[in-house]
Amino acid sequence: MALDPVTAAIGIGSQLIDRLWPSEEQKSTARLELLKLAQSGELTVLTAQAGIIQTEAASDHWLAANWRPLTMLIFVGLIVARWFGWAAPNLAEEEYIKLWSIVELALGGYVIGRSVEKVLPSAISSLKK
């Protein structure tokens, strides 16, 4: 039986919702949002993006496996440099905010990707049963 990645993601999302949200009302709202993502096709895109990142991270080529972490370290370095007053004089506030947004987005994606990577094998084995 071929496992549909979107179905697996919905299953994993439902399990996470059951564990993380305390009230039944919040759980049902979160499940509804998850189903809206699946219906709109965004969940398929997110699943494909996660697959690309996992493939890159598993690459035997050093640069292919590490370009994302290196980029994030550079962005974090620019933010820390600004905190210490070492920013370039022509770095505008908008650029600083945009860098911070990129770091937040990437860290969120990393955390979600690692969570899926840890939970996915057990979810697949439970779906096969």
Protein backbone atom coordinates (compact mmCIF):
# COMPACT_ATOMS: atom_id res chain seq x y z
CA MET A 1 0.00 0.00 0.00
CA ALA A 2 1.43 3.36 -1.02
CA LEU A 3 1.35 5.96 1.71
CA ASP A 4 0.07 9.38 0.67
CA PRO A 5 2.28 12.06 2.29
CA VAL A 6 -0.66 14.40 2.83
CA THR A 7 -2.64 11.69 4.63
CA ALA A 8 0.41 10.94 6.76
CA ALA A 9 0.84 14.63 7.55
CA ILE A 10 -2.82 14.92 8.57
CA GLY A 11 -2.42 11.88 10.81
CA ILE A 12 0.70 13.30 12.42
CA GLY A 13 -0.94 16.69 12.78
CA SER A 14 -3.96 15.13 14.47
CA GLN A 15 -1.72 13.28 16.91
CA LEU A 16 0.18 16.48 17.72
CA ILE A 17 -3.07 18.37 18.18
CA ASP A 18 -4.31 15.71 20.61
CA ARG A 19 -1.12 16.02 22.64
CA LEU A 20 -0.66 19.79 22.58
CA TRP A 21 -4.09 21.39 22.86
CA PRO A 22 -5.79 21.09 26.25
CA SER A 23 -9.46 21.77 25.47
CA GLU A 24 -11.70 19.94 23.03
CA GLU A 25 -12.77 23.25 21.49
CA GLN A 26 -9.17 24.17 20.70
CA LYS A 27 -8.53 20.68 19.33
CA SER A 28 -11.50 20.86 16.98
CA THR A 29 -10.48 24.33 15.79
CA ALA A 30 -6.93 23.15 15.15
CA ARG A 31 -8.13 20.06 13.29
CA LEU A 32 -10.38 22.25 11.14
CA GLU A 33 -7.42 24.48 10.25
CA LEU A 34 -5.35 21.39 9.40
CA LEU A 35 -8.07 20.13 7.08
CA LYS A 36 -8.34 23.59 5.48
CA LEU A 37 -4.60 23.44 4.77
CA ALA A 38 -4.99 20.02 3.20
CA GLN A 39 -7.98 21.12 1.14
CA SER A 40 -6.30 24.26 -0.15
CA GLY A 41 -3.26 22.29 -1.26
CA GLU A 42 -0.88 24.10 1.08
CA LEU A 43 -0.24 20.90 3.02
CA THR A 44 0.97 19.23 -0.18
CA VAL A 45 3.37 22.10 -0.81
CA LEU A 46 4.64 21.99 2.79
CA THR A 47 5.13 18.23 2.58
CA ALA A 48 7.08 18.61 -0.68
CA GLN A 49 9.24 21.35 0.82
CA ALA A 50 9.99 19.19 3.86
CA GLY A 51 11.02 16.37 1.52
CA ILE A 52 13.39 18.66 -0.35
CA ILE A 53 15.01 19.83 2.87
CA GLN A 54 15.42 16.24 4.10
CA THR A 55 16.99 15.24 0.78
CA GLU A 56 19.41 18.17 0.96
CA ALA A 57 20.35 17.38 4.55
CA ALA A 58 21.04 13.74 3.65
CA SER A 59 23.24 14.72 0.69
CA ASP A 60 26.79 13.41 0.52
CA HIS A 61 27.97 16.76 -0.83
CA TRP A 62 28.98 19.06 2.02
CA LEU A 63 27.68 22.29 0.52
CA ALA A 64 24.30 20.82 -0.48
CA ALA A 65 23.80 19.48 3.04
CA ASN A 66 24.88 22.65 4.87
CA TRP A 67 23.93 25.69 2.81
CA ARG A 68 20.71 26.34 4.78
CA PRO A 69 22.36 26.19 8.22
CA LEU A 70 25.24 28.37 6.98
CA THR A 71 22.81 30.95 5.60
CA MET A 72 20.93 31.01 8.89
CA LEU A 73 24.16 31.45 10.86
CA ILE A 74 25.04 34.44 8.68
CA PHE A 75 21.62 36.01 9.26
CA VAL A 76 21.84 35.38 13.01
CA GLY A 77 25.35 36.87 12.96
CA LEU A 78 24.04 40.02 11.30
CA ILE A 79 21.32 40.34 13.94
CA VAL A 80 23.77 39.81 16.82
CA ALA A 81 26.20 42.30 15.26
CA ARG A 82 23.42 44.89 15.21
CA TRP A 83 22.68 44.25 18.89
CA PHE A 84 26.32 45.01 19.67
CA GLY A 85 26.26 48.11 17.49
CA TRP A 86 28.45 46.61 14.76
CA ALA A 87 25.93 46.90 11.98
CA ALA A 88 26.76 48.49 8.68
CA PRO A 89 25.81 52.17 8.68
CA ASN A 90 23.60 51.72 5.63
CA LEU A 91 21.57 48.78 7.05
CA ALA A 92 18.05 50.16 7.29
CA GLU A 93 15.53 49.18 9.95
CA GLU A 94 13.40 47.47 7.27
CA GLU A 95 16.34 45.27 6.26
CA TYR A 96 16.98 44.32 9.88
CA ILE A 97 13.32 43.41 10.40
CA LYS A 98 13.32 41.38 7.19
CA LEU A 99 16.43 39.47 8.35
CA TRP A 100 14.73 38.74 11.66
CA SER A 101 11.61 37.49 9.84
CA ILE A 102 13.73 35.15 7.73
CA VAL A 103 15.41 33.76 10.85
CA GLU A 104 12.05 33.23 12.56
CA LEU A 105 10.59 31.50 9.52
CA ALA A 106 13.60 29.26 9.04
CA LEU A 107 13.80 28.27 12.71
CA GLY A 108 10.09 27.48 12.70
CA GLY A 109 10.51 25.36 9.58
CA TYR A 110 13.49 23.59 11.11
CA VAL A 111 11.60 22.76 14.30
CA ILE A 112 8.56 21.50 12.37
CA GLY A 113 10.77 19.53 9.98
CA ARG A 114 12.66 17.88 12.83
CA SER A 115 9.38 17.10 14.62
CA VAL A 116 7.95 15.47 11.50
CA GLU A 117 11.19 13.57 10.98
CA LYS A 118 11.00 12.18 14.53
CA VAL A 119 7.25 11.40 14.52
CA LEU A 120 6.83 10.20 10.92
CA PRO A 121 8.37 6.70 11.31
CA SER A 122 6.11 5.81 14.25
CA ALA A 123 3.08 7.32 12.48
CA ILE A 124 3.78 5.29 9.35
CA SER A 125 4.20 2.09 11.33
CA SER A 126 0.94 2.70 13.20
CA LEU A 127 -0.89 3.46 9.92
CA LYS A 128 0.37 0.21 8.38
CA LYS A 129 -1.10 -1.82 11.27
